[in-house]
Structures are given as C-alpha cells and as structure tokens.
N, C-alpha and C. Protein backbone atom coordinates (compact mmCIF):
# COMPACT_ATOMS: atom_id res chain seq x y z
N MET A 1 56.09 -62.06 -22.27
CA MET A 1 55.70 -60.94 -21.34
C MET A 1 54.74 -61.19 -20.46
N GLU A 2 54.94 -60.55 -18.97
CA GLU A 2 53.97 -61.04 -18.03
C GLU A 2 53.66 -59.78 -17.23
N LYS A 3 52.37 -59.67 -16.87
CA LYS A 3 51.69 -58.38 -16.06
C LYS A 3 51.09 -59.15 -15.03
N VAL A 4 51.41 -58.57 -13.68
CA VAL A 4 51.05 -59.28 -12.20
C VAL A 4 50.50 -57.85 -11.61
N TYR A 5 48.97 -57.95 -11.18
CA TYR A 5 48.21 -57.34 -10.31
C TYR A 5 47.87 -58.04 -9.12
N GLU A 6 47.94 -57.20 -7.92
CA GLU A 6 47.74 -57.65 -6.56
C GLU A 6 46.71 -56.49 -5.96
N ILE A 7 45.61 -57.07 -5.45
CA ILE A 7 44.77 -56.24 -4.79
C ILE A 7 44.08 -56.81 -3.48
N TYR A 8 43.99 -56.17 -2.39
CA TYR A 8 43.34 -56.79 -1.19
C TYR A 8 41.85 -56.51 -1.24
N ILE A 9 40.97 -57.30 -0.81
CA ILE A 9 39.65 -57.33 -0.81
C ILE A 9 39.10 -57.73 0.72
N LYS A 10 38.33 -56.73 1.35
CA LYS A 10 37.72 -57.49 2.27
C LYS A 10 36.43 -58.58 1.99
N THR A 11 36.77 -59.64 2.15
CA THR A 11 35.62 -60.82 1.49
C THR A 11 36.18 -62.11 2.14
N THR A 12 35.69 -62.97 1.70
CA THR A 12 36.09 -64.52 2.02
C THR A 12 36.47 -64.97 0.74
N PRO A 13 37.30 -66.14 0.74
CA PRO A 13 37.51 -67.18 -0.51
C PRO A 13 36.37 -67.55 -1.19
N GLU A 14 35.24 -67.86 -0.57
CA GLU A 14 34.35 -68.27 -1.25
C GLU A 14 33.41 -67.30 -1.97
N LYS A 15 33.35 -66.07 -1.30
CA LYS A 15 32.45 -64.96 -2.16
C LYS A 15 33.36 -64.40 -3.16
N LEU A 16 34.57 -64.55 -2.86
CA LEU A 16 35.59 -64.07 -4.08
C LEU A 16 35.66 -65.08 -5.21
N TRP A 17 35.74 -66.25 -5.08
CA TRP A 17 35.42 -67.28 -5.97
C TRP A 17 33.98 -67.18 -7.02
N ASP A 18 32.99 -66.83 -6.19
CA ASP A 18 31.69 -66.88 -6.59
C ASP A 18 31.60 -65.63 -7.58
N ALA A 19 32.48 -64.66 -6.97
CA ALA A 19 32.22 -63.40 -7.94
C ALA A 19 32.97 -63.57 -9.26
N LEU A 20 34.31 -64.44 -9.07
CA LEU A 20 34.63 -64.60 -10.34
C LEU A 20 34.18 -65.78 -11.25
N THR A 21 33.29 -66.44 -11.04
CA THR A 21 32.66 -67.75 -11.55
C THR A 21 31.36 -67.60 -12.02
N ASN A 22 30.47 -66.63 -11.10
CA ASN A 22 29.14 -66.66 -11.48
C ASN A 22 28.99 -65.45 -12.50
N PRO A 23 28.21 -66.04 -13.56
CA PRO A 23 28.24 -64.97 -14.69
C PRO A 23 27.59 -63.65 -14.35
N ASP A 24 26.32 -63.88 -13.72
CA ASP A 24 25.65 -62.69 -13.18
C ASP A 24 26.41 -61.63 -12.27
N LEU A 25 27.09 -62.01 -11.41
CA LEU A 25 27.86 -61.33 -10.53
C LEU A 25 29.22 -60.63 -11.23
N ARG A 26 29.93 -61.60 -12.19
CA ARG A 26 30.82 -61.13 -13.02
C ARG A 26 30.60 -59.83 -14.13
N SER A 27 29.50 -60.09 -14.52
CA SER A 27 28.92 -58.79 -15.39
C SER A 27 28.85 -57.62 -14.71
N LYS A 28 28.78 -57.57 -13.46
CA LYS A 28 28.54 -56.30 -12.71
C LYS A 28 29.88 -55.38 -12.68
N TYR A 29 30.98 -56.11 -12.57
CA TYR A 29 32.36 -55.34 -12.56
C TYR A 29 33.34 -55.58 -13.94
N ASN A 30 32.77 -56.44 -14.66
CA ASN A 30 33.76 -56.93 -15.81
C ASN A 30 33.08 -56.28 -17.32
N PHE A 31 32.96 -54.87 -17.09
CA PHE A 31 32.54 -54.23 -18.42
C PHE A 31 31.12 -54.65 -19.03
N GLY A 32 30.42 -55.66 -18.12
CA GLY A 32 28.93 -55.98 -18.42
C GLY A 32 29.13 -57.13 -19.10
N VAL A 33 30.34 -57.90 -19.02
CA VAL A 33 30.76 -59.16 -19.87
C VAL A 33 30.26 -60.20 -19.02
N ARG A 34 29.26 -61.29 -19.42
CA ARG A 34 28.93 -62.43 -18.71
C ARG A 34 30.19 -63.52 -18.94
N VAL A 35 30.75 -64.11 -18.16
CA VAL A 35 31.74 -65.28 -18.25
C VAL A 35 31.23 -66.55 -18.04
N GLU A 36 30.84 -67.53 -18.78
CA GLU A 36 30.23 -68.70 -18.59
C GLU A 36 30.92 -69.71 -18.60
N SER A 37 30.97 -70.80 -17.86
CA SER A 37 31.42 -72.20 -17.89
C SER A 37 31.00 -73.00 -16.81
N ASP A 38 31.47 -74.42 -17.09
CA ASP A 38 30.96 -75.35 -15.84
C ASP A 38 32.09 -75.24 -14.89
N TRP A 39 33.48 -74.67 -15.05
CA TRP A 39 34.49 -74.50 -14.20
C TRP A 39 34.94 -75.73 -13.83
N THR A 40 35.47 -76.57 -14.82
CA THR A 40 35.95 -77.86 -14.58
C THR A 40 37.18 -77.92 -15.18
N PRO A 41 38.33 -78.45 -14.66
CA PRO A 41 39.42 -78.57 -15.68
C PRO A 41 39.36 -78.90 -16.91
N GLY A 42 39.82 -78.42 -18.00
CA GLY A 42 39.82 -78.85 -19.28
C GLY A 42 38.38 -78.13 -20.03
N SER A 43 37.52 -77.61 -19.18
CA SER A 43 36.81 -76.92 -19.84
C SER A 43 36.47 -75.56 -20.63
N ARG A 44 35.88 -75.10 -21.68
CA ARG A 44 35.73 -74.05 -22.29
C ARG A 44 34.96 -73.10 -21.44
N TYR A 45 35.57 -71.64 -21.61
CA TYR A 45 34.51 -70.46 -21.21
C TYR A 45 34.54 -69.49 -22.24
N GLU A 46 33.33 -68.94 -22.19
CA GLU A 46 33.05 -67.76 -23.12
C GLU A 46 32.64 -66.55 -22.38
N GLY A 47 32.99 -65.43 -22.83
CA GLY A 47 32.47 -64.07 -22.32
C GLY A 47 31.91 -63.46 -23.57
N LYS A 48 30.51 -63.03 -23.15
CA LYS A 48 29.65 -62.46 -24.07
C LYS A 48 28.78 -61.35 -23.28
N SER A 49 28.07 -60.68 -24.25
CA SER A 49 27.42 -59.63 -23.44
C SER A 49 26.08 -59.36 -24.41
N PRO A 50 24.97 -58.98 -23.72
CA PRO A 50 23.86 -58.66 -24.45
C PRO A 50 24.06 -57.38 -25.23
N GLY A 51 25.23 -56.42 -24.92
CA GLY A 51 25.40 -55.21 -25.41
C GLY A 51 26.35 -55.36 -26.78
N ALA A 52 26.92 -56.77 -26.87
CA ALA A 52 27.76 -56.79 -27.87
C ALA A 52 27.47 -57.86 -28.99
N PRO A 53 27.50 -57.70 -30.38
CA PRO A 53 26.85 -58.57 -31.36
C PRO A 53 27.78 -59.91 -31.29
N MET A 54 29.13 -60.09 -30.80
CA MET A 54 29.80 -61.18 -30.97
C MET A 54 30.17 -61.59 -29.77
N LEU A 55 30.78 -62.62 -29.73
CA LEU A 55 31.68 -63.40 -28.51
C LEU A 55 33.02 -62.23 -28.18
N LEU A 56 33.10 -62.04 -26.96
CA LEU A 56 34.09 -61.15 -26.67
C LEU A 56 35.40 -61.92 -26.14
N LEU A 57 35.38 -62.99 -25.49
CA LEU A 57 36.48 -63.95 -25.27
C LEU A 57 36.30 -65.23 -24.87
N GLU A 58 37.38 -65.97 -24.96
CA GLU A 58 37.13 -67.32 -24.68
C GLU A 58 38.56 -68.03 -24.32
N GLY A 59 38.35 -69.08 -23.87
CA GLY A 59 39.35 -69.87 -23.41
C GLY A 59 39.12 -71.14 -22.83
N GLU A 60 40.09 -71.74 -22.16
CA GLU A 60 40.11 -73.17 -21.43
C GLU A 60 40.43 -73.12 -20.19
N ASN A 61 39.69 -73.42 -19.06
CA ASN A 61 40.06 -73.66 -17.71
C ASN A 61 41.17 -74.78 -17.48
N VAL A 62 42.40 -74.41 -17.58
CA VAL A 62 43.40 -75.23 -17.09
C VAL A 62 43.48 -75.87 -15.92
N GLU A 63 43.65 -74.95 -14.70
CA GLU A 63 43.62 -75.55 -13.65
C GLU A 63 42.21 -74.94 -12.70
N VAL A 64 41.64 -75.74 -11.96
CA VAL A 64 40.60 -75.36 -11.19
C VAL A 64 40.47 -75.83 -9.54
N ASP A 65 40.97 -74.71 -8.71
CA ASP A 65 41.06 -75.18 -7.56
C ASP A 65 40.22 -74.34 -6.56
N LYS A 66 39.14 -74.59 -6.53
CA LYS A 66 37.92 -73.73 -5.95
C LYS A 66 38.27 -73.86 -4.25
N PRO A 67 38.45 -72.80 -3.51
CA PRO A 67 38.31 -71.32 -4.10
C PRO A 67 39.78 -70.77 -3.93
N ARG A 68 40.76 -71.35 -4.47
CA ARG A 68 42.21 -70.77 -4.31
C ARG A 68 42.84 -70.61 -5.58
N LYS A 69 42.57 -70.98 -6.88
CA LYS A 69 43.28 -70.81 -7.73
C LYS A 69 42.42 -71.31 -8.97
N LEU A 70 42.62 -70.18 -10.19
CA LEU A 70 41.86 -70.70 -11.43
C LEU A 70 43.15 -70.31 -12.36
N VAL A 71 43.34 -71.01 -13.27
CA VAL A 71 44.34 -70.83 -14.45
C VAL A 71 43.57 -71.23 -15.70
N GLN A 72 43.59 -70.04 -16.74
CA GLN A 72 43.10 -70.06 -18.02
C GLN A 72 43.87 -69.69 -18.86
N THR A 73 43.54 -70.26 -20.22
CA THR A 73 44.01 -69.64 -21.42
C THR A 73 43.03 -68.42 -21.96
N PHE A 74 43.55 -67.76 -22.36
CA PHE A 74 42.80 -66.14 -22.65
C PHE A 74 42.85 -66.08 -24.14
N ARG A 75 41.91 -65.74 -24.91
CA ARG A 75 41.87 -65.32 -26.21
C ARG A 75 40.78 -64.06 -26.37
N ALA A 76 41.22 -62.88 -26.66
CA ALA A 76 40.42 -61.88 -26.80
C ALA A 76 39.91 -61.77 -28.26
N LEU A 77 38.41 -61.36 -28.26
CA LEU A 77 37.78 -61.50 -29.67
C LEU A 77 37.16 -60.16 -30.04
N TRP A 78 37.39 -59.32 -29.15
CA TRP A 78 36.51 -58.10 -29.25
C TRP A 78 36.74 -57.32 -30.49
N SER A 79 38.06 -57.18 -30.85
CA SER A 79 38.42 -56.49 -31.96
C SER A 79 39.54 -57.22 -33.11
N ASP A 80 39.54 -56.72 -34.19
CA ASP A 80 40.68 -57.67 -35.01
C ASP A 80 41.98 -57.74 -34.59
N ALA A 81 42.34 -56.46 -33.77
CA ALA A 81 43.65 -56.31 -33.36
C ALA A 81 43.88 -57.40 -32.18
N ALA A 82 42.79 -57.21 -31.31
CA ALA A 82 43.02 -58.13 -30.23
C ALA A 82 43.02 -59.68 -30.71
N LYS A 83 42.27 -59.88 -31.86
CA LYS A 83 42.41 -61.28 -31.94
C LYS A 83 43.96 -61.71 -32.43
N LYS A 84 44.36 -60.72 -33.36
CA LYS A 84 45.82 -60.99 -33.57
C LYS A 84 46.89 -61.45 -32.76
N GLU A 85 46.63 -61.08 -31.58
CA GLU A 85 47.57 -61.26 -30.38
C GLU A 85 47.47 -62.80 -29.82
N GLY A 86 46.56 -63.27 -30.39
CA GLY A 86 46.46 -65.03 -30.13
C GLY A 86 45.98 -65.18 -28.52
N THR A 87 46.53 -66.35 -27.96
CA THR A 87 46.28 -66.65 -26.77
C THR A 87 47.24 -66.59 -25.86
N SER A 88 46.70 -66.17 -24.81
CA SER A 88 47.64 -65.82 -23.52
C SER A 88 47.27 -66.66 -22.30
N ARG A 89 47.71 -66.43 -21.25
CA ARG A 89 47.05 -67.16 -20.00
C ARG A 89 46.85 -66.26 -19.02
N VAL A 90 45.74 -66.66 -18.10
CA VAL A 90 45.74 -65.47 -16.73
C VAL A 90 45.17 -66.43 -15.71
N THR A 91 45.99 -66.13 -14.71
CA THR A 91 46.12 -67.04 -13.41
C THR A 91 45.42 -65.98 -12.28
N TRP A 92 44.38 -66.76 -11.64
CA TRP A 92 43.78 -65.79 -10.48
C TRP A 92 44.23 -66.71 -9.28
N GLU A 93 44.84 -66.08 -8.14
CA GLU A 93 45.17 -66.79 -7.02
C GLU A 93 44.63 -66.11 -6.12
N ILE A 94 43.98 -66.56 -5.06
CA ILE A 94 43.30 -66.05 -3.63
C ILE A 94 43.94 -66.53 -2.44
N THR A 95 44.41 -65.57 -1.90
CA THR A 95 45.01 -66.06 -0.56
C THR A 95 44.33 -65.65 0.73
N PRO A 96 43.95 -66.11 1.52
CA PRO A 96 43.01 -65.64 2.61
C PRO A 96 44.09 -64.77 3.68
N ILE A 97 43.50 -63.82 4.15
CA ILE A 97 44.46 -63.04 5.03
C ILE A 97 43.57 -62.32 6.12
N ALA A 98 43.75 -62.93 7.26
CA ALA A 98 42.45 -62.66 8.48
C ALA A 98 41.25 -62.63 7.61
N ASP A 99 40.54 -61.46 7.95
CA ASP A 99 39.16 -61.28 7.51
C ASP A 99 38.97 -60.78 5.85
N SER A 100 40.19 -60.97 5.21
CA SER A 100 40.14 -60.53 3.71
C SER A 100 40.90 -61.39 2.87
N CYS A 101 41.25 -61.03 1.72
CA CYS A 101 41.75 -61.82 0.53
C CYS A 101 42.73 -61.13 -0.04
N LYS A 102 43.95 -61.51 -0.44
CA LYS A 102 44.70 -61.11 -1.52
C LYS A 102 44.68 -61.69 -2.69
N LEU A 103 44.14 -60.83 -3.91
CA LEU A 103 43.98 -61.53 -4.94
C LEU A 103 44.99 -61.15 -6.08
N THR A 104 45.99 -62.26 -6.45
CA THR A 104 46.89 -62.14 -7.25
C THR A 104 46.47 -62.40 -8.76
N VAL A 105 46.33 -61.39 -9.70
CA VAL A 105 46.06 -61.81 -11.11
C VAL A 105 47.48 -61.71 -11.90
N THR A 106 47.92 -62.89 -12.49
CA THR A 106 48.85 -62.82 -13.46
C THR A 106 48.47 -62.95 -14.92
N HIS A 107 48.67 -62.13 -15.78
CA HIS A 107 48.51 -62.40 -17.24
C HIS A 107 49.86 -62.40 -17.81
N ASP A 108 49.95 -63.82 -18.58
CA ASP A 108 51.49 -64.11 -18.82
C ASP A 108 51.14 -64.77 -20.10
N GLN A 109 52.35 -65.38 -20.78
CA GLN A 109 52.39 -65.82 -22.05
C GLN A 109 52.13 -64.99 -23.05
N LEU A 110 52.16 -63.65 -22.71
CA LEU A 110 52.02 -62.61 -23.62
C LEU A 110 53.07 -62.42 -24.69
N ARG A 111 52.73 -62.09 -25.97
CA ARG A 111 54.14 -61.75 -26.86
C ARG A 111 54.81 -60.64 -26.62
N ASP A 112 56.06 -60.50 -26.84
CA ASP A 112 56.91 -59.46 -26.42
C ASP A 112 56.06 -58.08 -27.18
N ASN A 113 56.03 -57.17 -26.50
CA ASN A 113 55.17 -56.02 -26.68
C ASN A 113 53.58 -56.22 -27.05
N ALA A 114 53.33 -57.01 -26.45
CA ALA A 114 51.54 -57.32 -26.67
C ALA A 114 51.18 -56.16 -26.49
N SER A 115 49.83 -55.83 -27.28
CA SER A 115 49.12 -54.61 -27.05
C SER A 115 48.33 -54.62 -25.89
N ALA A 116 48.54 -53.38 -25.09
CA ALA A 116 47.87 -53.06 -24.06
C ALA A 116 46.32 -53.47 -23.82
N GLU A 117 45.70 -53.50 -24.98
CA GLU A 117 44.40 -53.72 -25.30
C GLU A 117 43.86 -55.15 -24.52
N LEU A 118 45.08 -56.09 -24.52
CA LEU A 118 44.70 -57.44 -23.74
C LEU A 118 44.81 -57.14 -22.33
N TYR A 119 45.61 -56.53 -21.63
CA TYR A 119 45.81 -56.29 -20.15
C TYR A 119 45.40 -54.96 -19.61
N GLY A 120 45.25 -53.94 -20.62
CA GLY A 120 45.10 -52.60 -19.69
C GLY A 120 43.53 -52.36 -18.82
N GLY A 121 42.87 -53.50 -19.04
CA GLY A 121 41.46 -53.16 -18.49
C GLY A 121 41.52 -53.89 -16.79
N HIS A 122 42.67 -54.80 -16.63
CA HIS A 122 42.72 -55.50 -15.50
C HIS A 122 42.60 -54.90 -14.31
N MET A 123 43.03 -53.41 -14.02
CA MET A 123 42.99 -52.68 -13.07
C MET A 123 41.51 -52.18 -12.74
N MET A 124 40.88 -51.98 -13.88
CA MET A 124 39.32 -51.11 -13.72
C MET A 124 38.68 -52.55 -13.38
N VAL A 125 38.87 -53.68 -14.15
CA VAL A 125 38.00 -54.93 -13.43
C VAL A 125 38.04 -55.07 -12.18
N LEU A 126 39.35 -55.17 -11.63
CA LEU A 126 39.77 -55.56 -10.19
C LEU A 126 39.32 -54.37 -9.15
N SER A 127 39.21 -53.37 -9.81
CA SER A 127 38.76 -52.18 -8.83
C SER A 127 37.21 -52.32 -8.70
N GLY A 128 36.70 -52.54 -9.77
CA GLY A 128 35.05 -52.69 -9.91
C GLY A 128 34.78 -54.00 -8.92
N LEU A 129 35.62 -54.93 -8.88
CA LEU A 129 35.35 -56.35 -8.11
C LEU A 129 35.46 -56.06 -6.55
N LYS A 130 36.58 -55.40 -6.30
CA LYS A 130 36.72 -54.96 -5.04
C LYS A 130 35.64 -54.14 -4.21
N THR A 131 35.27 -53.15 -5.16
CA THR A 131 34.10 -52.16 -4.69
C THR A 131 32.70 -52.63 -4.63
N PHE A 132 32.53 -53.65 -5.56
CA PHE A 132 31.37 -54.66 -5.77
C PHE A 132 31.27 -55.37 -4.36
N LEU A 133 32.33 -56.26 -4.24
CA LEU A 133 32.08 -57.11 -2.99
C LEU A 133 32.48 -56.44 -1.65
N GLU A 134 32.89 -55.44 -1.45
CA GLU A 134 33.13 -54.51 -0.24
C GLU A 134 31.50 -53.60 -0.01
N THR A 135 31.08 -53.10 -1.12
CA THR A 135 29.85 -52.20 -0.76
C THR A 135 28.72 -52.80 -1.49
N GLY A 136 28.77 -53.63 -2.42
CA GLY A 136 27.43 -54.14 -3.24
C GLY A 136 27.19 -52.92 -4.28
N GLN A 137 28.25 -52.22 -4.54
CA GLN A 137 27.72 -51.01 -5.55
C GLN A 137 28.55 -51.32 -6.78
N LYS A 138 28.24 -50.85 -7.79
CA LYS A 138 28.97 -50.79 -9.12
C LYS A 138 29.93 -49.56 -9.15
N LEU A 139 31.04 -50.00 -9.67
CA LEU A 139 32.16 -48.66 -9.77
C LEU A 139 32.19 -48.16 -11.25
N THR A 140 31.80 -46.97 -11.61
CA THR A 140 32.10 -46.45 -12.96
C THR A 140 33.33 -46.21 -13.33
N THR A 141 34.00 -47.07 -14.19
CA THR A 141 35.24 -46.75 -14.59
C THR A 141 35.23 -46.36 -16.18
N PRO A 142 36.05 -45.84 -16.66
CA PRO A 142 36.37 -45.88 -18.41
C PRO A 142 36.15 -47.09 -18.58
N GLY A 143 35.21 -47.46 -19.72
CA GLY A 143 34.99 -48.62 -19.98
C GLY A 143 34.01 -49.60 -19.37
N SER A 144 33.64 -49.14 -18.23
CA SER A 144 32.97 -50.23 -17.36
C SER A 144 31.41 -50.44 -17.88
N LEU A 145 31.11 -49.38 -18.52
CA LEU A 145 29.74 -49.70 -19.31
C LEU A 145 29.90 -49.76 -20.53
N MET A 146 30.90 -50.40 -20.92
CA MET A 146 31.03 -50.68 -22.60
C MET A 146 30.10 -51.64 -23.16
N TYR A 147 29.67 -52.62 -22.53
CA TYR A 147 28.84 -53.63 -23.05
C TYR A 147 27.56 -53.79 -22.08
N THR A 148 27.22 -52.61 -21.38
CA THR A 148 25.90 -52.60 -20.58
C THR A 148 24.73 -51.81 -21.45
C-alpha cells in the first residue's frame, strides 16, 4: 500500500530541509516530537518527546540528498498496534518552483490494509510545516499538542 501527499510551501529548499532535519524546528509542527539523527545515509534516526515516556518512532536514513530528497525506513512505536504494523518507508522530495517548493511525501511499503494510525497524521504534520515556514506560527491541529 502507498500514500502520497503533495503540498506547496513558500520557502527555499534549504529552509524546508532544515525544518525537516532540525529537531527543534521539527518539534514545532510534528506533534511535539523531536526527530534526531546525523542525517547521513545508513544512519539511525529516533523520534522522542519530553511529553512521552518512550521512544515514539525510529528508522534508518536510506538516501540523503540535501536539500532535495530524504528516504527513510519508518517504524512507529507509540502504541502496541502501531508496533505490530512493522517497518515501512517514507520519502520526502523537495522540488523548487519559483519562490516556493513542492514537497511530496510518499509513505509506502505499508502492508495491505495498514492501520491509518501510521499515515493518518501526515496532513496535520504537513499543514503545520507549511504554516510554520510561511508565518513562523504553530498550527493547532487535532493531535498537534499530543506530546507537548
């Protein structure tokens, strides 16, 4: 199963890449979750929050092409049901368009009939990312304050 999301953001590829890979920035639009890594191919990344007692997500950076493309394995750890879904893949592709960027997020290698718990938050995250980069403000969405 595959889910694809596209959003246009008035920003530069470099600022968008920084928002995806800087733990402090990422936590502002990603349910309060800090995603930390050294962002090199083959390196591990982890998502955690001071508001959660456990590691929330983890994976490996498969392809890192700053500031154009980031391919990661993805394993959700925030619930027993999410853990049972196993490992999938998330690809972040940044395409500059004039004074903006198109961000395409592809979440694939999901099992058939995978739980929406794995991919259902992408639009909230992407909406929060767009709002943050364009206005500097946090967007309140269902779940956005979950781990803050």
